[in-house]
């Protein structure tokens, strides 16, 4: 009897399938768990890590299926594609086991993801604002997409025969309905082709997931140029920012991070380029959308907007569009310097540092902005915990004093500059140059008699 049981156990051990790497202990038979434990112990350290991984060749082998799933508009297909892309687009810093997924390897993927966002934006307006019929874009050839209560609508909206009339009546009675909906119910505000509240919420979740995937892709250097030169991508991002008052907050935050990553490569002239346009957008509208985010009270939003401005102005082709709104930008950035949040101060200093190096007019306007010099001095004196921020604040003041028209105005802060100089601060060299520029040049008539800093 014991020999028979030993034989059975040996046969079961021999015929058991090889366990998958990373399978949690206790999820299968004892033999499988033991084999999994031994396999993990024998595996090299470079293979250890999260149990949920996607093979690097997955995108190459399934790129057509992923794009078609996104374009289908079907809930199950969309869910599968978004989950797969979420794993493909996520990569830990210094991750050596998985390569980044360049968008160029998956033709049509970026536009398909943006289409998911556009599909939500087409139905995003509240019902009490607009009663117009909304055209269904995705899944136009499918009878039911799987979102919301479409199956119930399909079963209750048909013309039932006499044999199933009692069944439909019972179903209506169970739901408390008093009468049938009219024949054109499918095309009404809450009809089959215009989703109910549950379906709208699911579409919104898909749009947020798609924006998160595009955000993840924007962190990969291989994708930055492709995304910055894609007009559909740029227009969608700016339109979401423009509608931040009514749009989902997580979606707005994701597109802001996309724009922060793409800003150094972004050329606003793309809106007037011959590339096909999906939304009639202009350069001035884009800048106004960024300024609206800069004026926002949400810290993440105004910090991101300040970073976007500071990075976009590096491109000389963007300067004419940004400088049209220079007074608004300077005023708000100076206001951010007074906030207690350190990251807001850092974002504002970074933007002002790049703006102060554009041209003379920028330096003159910034110096004439009320509280600008005073607040930059406070950041240096505090000091800000990030040394580079203090250095940039001192460099901004040095750029301002390089203009002869600003020196008379800056002489009012001569004593404050001298205090920083003799305090053995790390920025002493910068303030020594500032005092030298203020008092040693012939153009500074008021300071010539007091010029001792040039010695």
Protein backbone atom coordinates (compact mmCIF):
# COMPACT_ATOMS: atom_id res chain seq x y z
CA UNK A 1 0.00 0.00 0.00
CA UNK A 2 2.81 2.37 0.88
CA UNK A 3 4.71 1.45 -2.29
CA UNK A 4 1.60 2.20 -4.41
CA UNK A 5 1.20 5.63 -2.79
CA UNK A 6 4.88 6.38 -3.26
CA UNK A 7 4.58 5.44 -6.92
CA UNK A 8 1.58 7.72 -7.37
CA UNK A 9 3.36 10.64 -5.72
CA UNK A 10 6.46 10.09 -7.85
CA UNK A 11 4.34 10.01 -11.02
CA UNK A 12 2.53 13.18 -10.07
CA UNK A 13 5.82 14.93 -9.37
CA UNK A 14 7.25 13.83 -12.70
CA UNK A 15 4.21 14.86 -14.70
CA UNK A 16 3.68 18.25 -13.03
CA UNK A 17 4.21 21.17 -15.39
CA UNK A 18 7.18 23.43 -14.82
CA UNK A 19 6.15 26.28 -12.56
CA UNK A 20 6.23 29.86 -13.86
CA UNK A 21 8.94 32.08 -12.46
CA UNK A 22 7.64 34.45 -9.85
CA UNK A 23 4.52 32.46 -8.99
CA UNK A 24 3.69 33.11 -5.31
CA UNK A 25 4.27 30.25 -2.91
CA UNK A 26 1.14 28.40 -1.83
CA UNK A 27 -0.79 29.22 -4.99
CA UNK A 28 -0.46 25.70 -6.38
CA UNK A 29 0.41 22.18 -5.20
CA UNK A 30 3.16 21.54 -2.72
CA UNK A 31 5.37 20.04 -5.38
CA UNK A 32 4.88 23.04 -7.67
CA UNK A 33 5.62 25.44 -4.83
CA UNK A 34 8.79 23.56 -3.94
CA UNK A 35 9.90 23.54 -7.57
CA UNK A 36 9.17 27.26 -7.88
CA UNK A 37 11.18 27.97 -4.74
CA UNK A 38 14.13 25.97 -6.05
CA UNK A 39 13.92 27.69 -9.44
CA UNK A 40 13.95 31.13 -7.80
CA UNK A 41 16.90 30.14 -5.66
CA UNK A 42 18.83 28.96 -8.72
CA UNK A 43 17.99 32.02 -10.81
CA UNK A 44 20.68 34.70 -11.10
CA UNK A 45 20.19 37.95 -9.19
CA UNK A 46 19.65 39.92 -12.41
CA UNK A 47 16.40 38.05 -13.09
CA UNK A 48 14.81 38.66 -9.72
CA UNK A 49 12.19 41.37 -9.42
CA UNK A 50 8.49 42.07 -9.97
CA UNK A 51 6.39 39.08 -10.96
CA UNK A 52 4.37 41.07 -13.51
CA UNK A 53 6.49 41.66 -16.59
CA UNK A 54 6.07 41.99 -20.33
CA UNK A 55 8.56 40.47 -22.72
CA UNK A 56 10.55 43.02 -24.68
CA UNK A 57 9.36 41.50 -27.97
CA UNK A 58 5.69 41.76 -27.00
CA UNK A 59 5.18 45.08 -28.76
CA UNK A 60 6.86 43.84 -31.95
CA UNK A 61 4.75 40.69 -32.06
CA UNK A 62 1.42 42.28 -31.11
CA UNK A 63 1.62 45.89 -32.33
CA UNK A 64 -1.12 45.42 -34.92
CA UNK A 65 -3.41 43.77 -32.42
CA UNK A 66 -2.82 46.54 -29.86
CA UNK A 67 -3.62 49.31 -32.34
CA UNK A 68 -6.69 47.51 -33.67
CA UNK A 69 -7.91 46.89 -30.11
CA UNK A 70 -7.62 50.60 -29.34
CA UNK A 71 -9.43 51.51 -32.55
CA UNK A 72 -12.24 49.00 -32.00
CA UNK A 73 -13.93 50.94 -29.21
CA UNK A 74 -14.94 47.70 -27.50
CA UNK A 75 -14.60 47.71 -23.75
CA UNK A 76 -12.89 44.33 -23.44
CA UNK A 77 -10.42 45.06 -26.24
CA UNK A 78 -9.67 48.54 -24.91
CA UNK A 79 -9.08 47.17 -21.43
CA UNK A 80 -6.65 44.55 -22.70
CA UNK A 81 -4.74 47.04 -24.86
CA UNK A 82 -4.52 49.69 -22.14
CA UNK A 83 -3.30 47.17 -19.58
CA UNK A 84 -0.64 45.85 -21.95
CA UNK A 85 0.54 49.34 -22.87
CA UNK A 86 0.60 50.40 -19.25
CA UNK A 87 3.17 47.68 -18.60
CA UNK A 88 5.12 48.37 -21.79
CA UNK A 89 5.34 52.09 -21.08
CA UNK A 90 6.46 51.74 -17.46
CA UNK A 91 10.15 51.44 -16.80
CA UNK A 92 11.95 51.87 -13.52
CA UNK A 93 14.98 54.12 -13.41
CA UNK A 94 18.16 52.19 -14.26
CA UNK A 95 16.01 49.23 -15.32
CA UNK A 96 18.24 46.80 -17.23
CA UNK A 97 15.83 43.93 -17.85
CA UNK A 98 13.44 45.72 -20.20
CA UNK A 99 14.15 48.12 -23.02
CA UNK A 100 12.06 51.21 -23.63
CA UNK A 101 9.31 50.90 -26.22
CA UNK A 102 9.82 53.49 -28.97
CA UNK A 103 6.58 54.65 -30.53
CA UNK A 104 8.19 54.41 -33.96
CA UNK A 105 8.15 50.61 -33.59
CA UNK A 106 4.36 50.62 -33.27
CA UNK A 107 2.88 52.52 -36.24
CA UNK A 108 -0.38 54.26 -35.45
CA UNK A 109 -0.16 53.67 -31.70
CA UNK A 110 0.10 57.31 -30.65
CA UNK A 111 -2.86 58.38 -32.78
CA UNK A 112 -4.90 55.43 -31.52
CA UNK A 113 -4.24 56.43 -27.89
CA UNK A 114 -5.11 60.04 -28.64
CA UNK A 115 -8.31 58.85 -30.29
CA UNK A 116 -9.35 57.24 -27.00
CA UNK A 117 -8.90 60.63 -25.30
CA UNK A 118 -10.76 62.40 -28.12
CA UNK A 119 -13.62 59.93 -27.86
CA UNK A 120 -14.08 60.84 -24.20
CA UNK A 121 -13.80 64.56 -24.89
CA UNK A 122 -16.55 64.30 -27.50
CA UNK A 123 -19.00 63.25 -24.77
CA UNK A 124 -17.39 65.02 -21.79
CA UNK A 125 -19.78 67.97 -21.57
CA UNK A 126 -22.44 67.64 -18.87
CA UNK A 127 -25.96 66.88 -20.05
CA UNK A 128 -27.38 70.16 -18.74
CA UNK A 129 -24.93 72.17 -20.90
CA UNK A 130 -25.50 70.55 -24.27
CA UNK A 131 -28.42 68.55 -25.59
CA UNK A 132 -27.08 68.07 -29.09
CA UNK A 133 -26.67 64.62 -30.52
CA UNK A 134 -23.19 63.23 -30.00
CA UNK A 135 -21.72 61.24 -32.84
CA UNK A 136 -20.20 57.93 -31.85
CA UNK A 137 -16.65 57.63 -33.14
CA UNK A 138 -15.08 54.44 -31.85
CA UNK A 139 -16.73 51.09 -32.44
CA UNK A 140 -19.04 52.50 -35.09
CA UNK A 141 -19.45 49.09 -36.74
CA UNK A 142 -20.23 47.29 -33.48
CA UNK A 143 -23.78 46.88 -32.24
CA UNK A 144 -22.73 47.01 -28.59
CA UNK A 145 -19.37 48.26 -27.28
CA UNK A 146 -19.70 46.95 -23.72
CA UNK A 147 -19.67 50.32 -21.99
CA UNK A 148 -22.39 51.15 -19.49
CA UNK A 149 -25.84 49.56 -19.73
CA UNK A 150 -25.88 49.02 -23.47
CA UNK A 151 -26.87 45.36 -23.22
CA UNK A 152 -29.97 46.31 -21.24
CA UNK A 153 -30.79 49.05 -23.71
CA UNK A 154 -30.44 46.63 -26.62
CA UNK A 155 -32.77 44.08 -25.00
CA UNK A 156 -35.42 46.64 -24.02
CA UNK A 157 -35.45 48.77 -27.14
CA UNK A 158 -36.35 46.25 -29.81
CA UNK A 159 -39.80 45.42 -31.16
CA UNK A 160 -40.71 42.31 -29.14
CA UNK A 161 -42.96 39.69 -30.64
CA UNK A 162 -46.03 38.32 -28.90
CA UNK A 163 -44.08 35.33 -27.59
CA UNK A 164 -41.61 37.41 -25.65
CA UNK A 165 -43.88 40.34 -24.80
CA UNK A 166 -44.50 38.98 -21.31
CA UNK A 167 -40.74 38.66 -20.69
CA UNK A 168 -40.12 42.28 -21.64
CA UNK A 169 -43.08 43.40 -19.53
CA UNK A 170 -41.71 41.54 -16.52
CA UNK A 171 -38.30 43.11 -17.03
CA UNK A 172 -39.82 46.56 -17.19
CA UNK A 173 -41.89 45.89 -14.11
CA UNK A 174 -38.82 44.78 -12.19
CA UNK A 175 -37.03 48.02 -13.07
CA UNK A 176 -40.06 50.12 -12.12
CA UNK A 177 -40.52 51.40 -15.67
CA UNK A 178 -43.97 52.62 -16.64
CA UNK A 179 -43.72 52.74 -20.42
CA UNK A 180 -41.50 51.80 -23.36
CA UNK A 181 -38.96 54.27 -24.61
CA UNK A 182 -39.59 55.69 -28.09
CA UNK A 183 -38.04 54.07 -31.10
CA UNK A 184 -35.27 56.66 -31.41
CA UNK A 185 -34.08 56.02 -27.85
CA UNK A 186 -30.74 54.75 -29.14
CA UNK A 187 -29.85 58.21 -30.46
CA UNK A 188 -31.10 60.25 -27.50
CA UNK A 189 -28.87 61.82 -24.86
CA UNK A 190 -28.91 58.63 -22.77
CA UNK A 191 -29.36 56.25 -25.68
CA UNK A 192 -27.28 53.32 -26.84
CA UNK A 193 -25.02 55.41 -29.05
CA UNK A 194 -24.80 58.19 -26.45
CA UNK A 195 -23.69 56.53 -23.27
CA UNK A 196 -25.42 56.58 -19.90
CA UNK A 197 -23.70 57.83 -16.77
CA UNK A 198 -22.00 54.49 -16.09
CA UNK A 199 -20.74 54.26 -19.65
CA UNK A 200 -19.49 57.84 -19.54
CA UNK A 201 -17.57 57.10 -16.34
CA UNK A 202 -15.97 54.05 -17.97
CA UNK A 203 -15.02 56.08 -21.04
CA UNK A 204 -13.49 58.67 -18.74
CA UNK A 205 -11.40 56.01 -17.02
CA UNK A 206 -10.16 54.78 -20.40
CA UNK A 207 -9.20 58.33 -21.39
CA UNK A 208 -7.28 58.85 -18.14
CA UNK A 209 -5.52 55.50 -18.61
CA UNK A 210 -4.59 56.45 -22.19
CA UNK A 211 -3.23 59.82 -21.03
CA UNK A 212 -1.16 58.06 -18.38
CA UNK A 213 0.34 55.77 -21.04
CA UNK A 214 1.19 58.72 -23.30
CA UNK A 215 2.72 60.42 -20.24
CA UNK A 216 4.89 57.36 -19.58
CA UNK A 217 6.01 57.29 -23.20
CA UNK A 218 7.01 60.97 -22.99
CA UNK A 219 9.61 60.13 -20.32
CA UNK A 220 11.48 57.95 -22.84
CA UNK A 221 14.05 59.86 -24.85
CA UNK A 222 13.32 57.77 -27.94
CA UNK A 223 9.76 59.12 -28.09
CA UNK A 224 10.23 62.83 -27.40
CA UNK A 225 10.91 63.96 -30.98
CA UNK A 226 8.11 61.80 -32.39
CA UNK A 227 5.59 63.19 -29.92
CA UNK A 228 6.72 66.83 -30.19
CA UNK A 229 6.35 66.73 -33.99
CA UNK A 230 2.96 65.01 -33.93
CA UNK A 231 0.36 67.75 -34.40
CA UNK A 232 -2.49 65.57 -33.15
CA UNK A 233 -0.59 64.98 -29.91
CA UNK A 234 0.27 68.65 -29.37
CA UNK A 235 -3.24 69.85 -30.17
CA UNK A 236 -4.87 67.30 -27.86
CA UNK A 237 -2.54 68.21 -24.99
CA UNK A 238 -3.18 71.95 -25.32
CA UNK A 239 -6.92 71.49 -25.68
CA UNK A 240 -7.07 69.46 -22.46
CA UNK A 241 -5.14 72.21 -20.69
CA UNK A 242 -7.42 74.88 -22.12
CA UNK A 243 -10.49 73.06 -20.76
CA UNK A 244 -8.96 72.40 -17.33
CA UNK A 245 -11.99 73.96 -15.63
CA UNK A 246 -14.33 71.19 -16.81
CA UNK A 247 -11.88 68.38 -17.58
CA UNK A 248 -10.87 65.51 -15.31
CA UNK A 249 -8.11 66.66 -12.93
CA UNK A 250 -5.97 63.56 -13.37
CA UNK A 251 -6.19 63.87 -17.14
CA UNK A 252 -5.09 67.53 -16.95
CA UNK A 253 -2.19 66.64 -14.65
CA UNK A 254 -1.04 63.89 -17.05
CA UNK A 255 -1.08 66.13 -20.11
CA UNK A 256 0.80 68.83 -18.18
CA UNK A 257 3.57 66.36 -17.42
CA UNK A 258 3.60 65.38 -21.09
CA UNK A 259 4.04 69.01 -22.04
CA UNK A 260 6.80 69.52 -19.45
CA UNK A 261 8.76 66.65 -21.02
CA UNK A 262 8.19 67.82 -24.60
CA UNK A 263 8.62 71.58 -23.98
CA UNK A 264 12.34 71.81 -24.93
CA UNK A 265 11.58 70.28 -28.34
CA UNK A 266 8.23 71.95 -28.91
CA UNK A 267 7.80 74.51 -31.68
CA UNK A 268 4.57 76.50 -31.48
CA UNK A 269 4.69 77.12 -35.21
CA UNK A 270 3.38 73.58 -35.61
CA UNK A 271 -0.13 75.06 -35.31
CA UNK A 272 0.37 76.99 -38.54
CA UNK A 273 2.26 74.23 -40.34
CA UNK A 274 0.80 72.35 -43.34
CA UNK A 275 0.48 69.18 -41.24
CA UNK A 276 -3.10 67.87 -41.02
CA UNK A 277 -4.97 69.45 -38.14
CA UNK A 278 -7.49 67.70 -35.89
CA UNK A 279 -8.40 70.82 -33.89
CA UNK A 280 -8.30 74.42 -35.05
CA UNK A 281 -5.70 75.67 -32.60
CA UNK A 282 -3.40 78.70 -32.77
CA UNK A 283 -0.12 79.72 -31.16
CA UNK A 284 -1.74 82.46 -29.07
CA UNK A 285 -4.39 80.09 -27.75
CA UNK A 286 -1.66 77.69 -26.71
CA UNK A 287 0.21 80.38 -24.76
CA UNK A 288 -3.02 81.60 -23.16
CA UNK A 289 -3.79 78.04 -22.05
CA UNK A 290 -0.39 77.81 -20.35
CA UNK A 291 -0.90 81.19 -18.66
CA UNK A 292 -4.30 80.02 -17.39
CA UNK A 293 -2.56 77.06 -15.77
CA UNK A 294 0.08 79.41 -14.38
CA UNK A 295 -2.68 81.43 -12.72
CA UNK A 296 -4.19 78.30 -11.18
CA UNK A 297 -4.20 77.86 -7.41
CA UNK A 298 -3.32 74.16 -7.76
CA UNK A 299 0.36 73.83 -6.91
CA UNK A 300 1.10 71.00 -9.33
CA UNK A 301 -0.48 72.92 -12.18
CA UNK A 302 1.18 76.32 -11.71
CA UNK A 303 4.56 74.70 -11.03
CA UNK A 304 4.28 72.67 -14.24
CA UNK A 305 3.19 75.75 -16.21
CA UNK A 306 6.22 77.69 -14.95
CA UNK A 307 8.51 74.85 -16.01
CA UNK A 308 6.85 74.71 -19.43
CA UNK A 309 7.40 78.44 -20.01
CA UNK A 310 11.01 78.23 -18.89
CA UNK A 311 11.71 75.32 -21.22
CA UNK A 312 9.77 76.60 -24.23
CA UNK A 313 11.47 80.01 -24.26
CA UNK A 314 14.81 78.27 -24.88
CA UNK A 315 13.65 77.77 -28.47
CA UNK A 316 14.06 81.17 -30.24
CA UNK A 317 11.11 80.37 -32.51
CA UNK A 318 8.79 80.39 -29.48
CA UNK A 319 9.95 83.77 -28.14
CA UNK A 320 7.61 86.00 -30.22
CA UNK A 321 4.53 84.12 -29.03
CA UNK A 322 5.55 84.05 -25.36
CA UNK A 323 6.74 87.65 -25.17
CA UNK A 324 3.34 88.91 -26.30
CA UNK A 325 2.15 87.98 -22.81
CA UNK A 326 5.37 88.90 -20.98
CA UNK A 327 3.74 91.25 -18.47
CA UNK A 328 1.27 88.57 -17.33
CA UNK A 329 4.00 85.94 -17.13
CA UNK A 330 6.40 88.10 -15.11
CA UNK A 331 3.73 89.21 -12.65
CA UNK A 332 2.62 85.67 -11.90
CA UNK A 333 6.15 84.28 -11.68
CA UNK A 334 7.08 86.99 -9.18
CA UNK A 335 3.98 86.07 -7.18
CA UNK A 336 5.13 82.45 -7.12
CA UNK A 337 8.42 83.59 -5.58
CA UNK A 338 6.51 84.73 -2.50
CA UNK A 339 4.77 81.38 -1.93
CA UNK A 340 6.09 79.23 0.94
CA UNK A 341 6.18 76.15 -1.29
CA UNK A 342 9.81 75.50 -2.20
CA UNK A 343 8.97 73.74 -5.48
CA UNK A 344 6.91 76.74 -6.61
CA UNK A 345 9.86 79.03 -5.89
CA UNK A 346 12.19 76.69 -7.78
CA UNK A 347 9.89 76.57 -10.83
CA UNK A 348 9.54 80.36 -10.89
CA UNK A 349 13.29 80.96 -10.55
CA UNK A 350 13.98 78.47 -13.35
CA UNK A 351 11.55 80.22 -15.69
CA UNK A 352 12.83 83.72 -14.83
CA UNK A 353 16.42 82.57 -15.30
CA UNK A 354 15.73 81.61 -18.92
CA UNK A 355 13.52 84.64 -19.59
CA UNK A 356 16.16 87.05 -18.28
CA UNK A 357 18.61 85.80 -20.90
CA UNK A 358 16.31 86.30 -23.89
CA UNK A 359 16.87 89.99 -24.66
CA UNK A 360 17.21 93.47 -23.18
CA UNK A 361 13.49 94.14 -23.13
CA UNK A 362 12.89 91.10 -20.91
CA UNK A 363 15.49 92.28 -18.41
CA UNK A 364 14.04 95.78 -18.31
CA UNK A 365 10.49 94.54 -17.74
CA UNK A 366 11.55 92.10 -15.05
CA UNK A 367 13.54 94.73 -13.16
CA UNK A 368 10.58 97.10 -13.23
CA UNK A 369 8.25 94.42 -11.88
CA UNK A 370 7.32 95.26 -8.30
CA UNK A 371 8.89 93.02 -5.63
CA UNK A 372 10.92 91.06 -8.19
CA UNK A 373 14.38 92.05 -6.89
CA UNK A 374 13.27 91.90 -3.27
CA UNK A 375 11.92 88.35 -3.56
CA UNK A 376 14.92 87.09 -5.49
CA UNK A 377 17.11 88.46 -2.70
CA UNK A 378 15.04 86.67 -0.08
CA UNK A 379 15.54 83.34 -1.86
CA UNK A 380 19.31 83.88 -1.74
CA UNK A 381 19.30 85.04 1.89
CA UNK A 382 16.99 82.33 3.23
CA UNK A 383 18.65 80.38 1.56
CA UNK A 384 16.70 77.99 -0.64
CA UNK A 385 17.70 74.38 0.24
CA UNK A 386 18.65 73.67 -3.39
CA UNK A 387 21.94 75.40 -4.09
CA UNK A 388 21.29 75.63 -7.84
CA UNK A 389 18.15 77.70 -7.21
CA UNK A 390 20.13 80.23 -5.16
CA UNK A 391 22.76 80.36 -7.90
CA UNK A 392 20.13 81.02 -10.57
CA UNK A 393 18.49 83.74 -8.45
CA UNK A 394 21.86 85.49 -8.12
CA UNK A 395 22.49 85.10 -11.86
CA UNK A 396 19.12 86.70 -12.60
CA UNK A 397 20.11 89.74 -10.54
CA UNK A 398 23.47 89.81 -12.32
CA UNK A 399 21.70 89.81 -15.69
CA UNK A 400 19.42 92.62 -14.58
CA UNK A 401 22.27 94.87 -13.46
CA UNK A 402 24.03 94.35 -16.79
CA UNK A 403 21.52 96.75 -18.36
CA UNK A 404 22.46 100.41 -17.71
CA UNK A 405 18.80 101.44 -17.39
CA UNK A 406 18.35 99.09 -14.42
CA UNK A 407 21.32 100.24 -12.35
CA UNK A 408 19.67 103.33 -10.90
CA UNK A 409 16.71 101.22 -9.84
CA UNK A 410 18.95 98.55 -8.28
CA UNK A 411 21.00 101.05 -6.29
CA UNK A 412 18.20 101.01 -3.72
CA UNK A 413 19.30 97.45 -2.86
CA UNK A 414 23.02 98.25 -2.60
CA UNK A 415 23.14 97.68 1.16
CA UNK A 416 21.31 94.36 0.85
CA UNK A 417 23.73 93.25 -1.86
CA UNK A 418 26.65 94.23 0.39
CA UNK A 419 25.24 92.19 3.28
CA UNK A 420 25.16 89.08 1.10
CA UNK A 421 28.69 89.82 -0.09
CA UNK A 422 30.23 90.05 3.40
CA UNK A 423 28.17 87.16 4.82
CA UNK A 424 30.53 84.64 3.21
CA UNK A 425 27.65 83.21 1.25
CA UNK A 426 28.21 80.79 -1.63
CA UNK A 427 26.89 83.53 -3.90
CA UNK A 428 29.42 86.15 -2.72
CA UNK A 429 31.23 86.14 -6.05
CA UNK A 430 28.01 86.87 -7.94
CA UNK A 431 27.13 89.78 -5.66
CA UNK A 432 30.67 91.16 -5.90
CA UNK A 433 30.20 91.32 -9.67
CA UNK A 434 26.75 92.89 -9.20
CA UNK A 435 28.16 95.67 -6.97
CA UNK A 436 31.04 96.19 -9.35
CA UNK A 437 28.67 96.59 -12.31
CA UNK A 438 26.44 98.97 -10.36
CA UNK A 439 29.09 101.39 -9.17
CA UNK A 440 32.10 101.25 -11.45
CA UNK A 441 30.59 101.95 -14.85
CA UNK A 442 30.45 105.58 -16.09
CA UNK A 443 26.76 105.20 -16.97
CA UNK A 444 25.93 104.92 -13.28
CA UNK A 445 26.30 108.61 -12.34
CA UNK A 446 24.71 108.23 -8.94
CA UNK A 447 27.03 105.43 -7.99
CA UNK A 448 30.31 106.91 -9.20
CA UNK A 449 30.90 108.85 -6.00
CA UNK A 450 30.20 105.77 -3.92
CA UNK A 451 32.20 103.32 -6.00
CA UNK A 452 34.27 101.27 -3.61
CA UNK A 453 33.30 97.79 -4.71
CA UNK A 454 35.48 97.77 -7.79
CA UNK A 455 38.70 97.99 -5.77
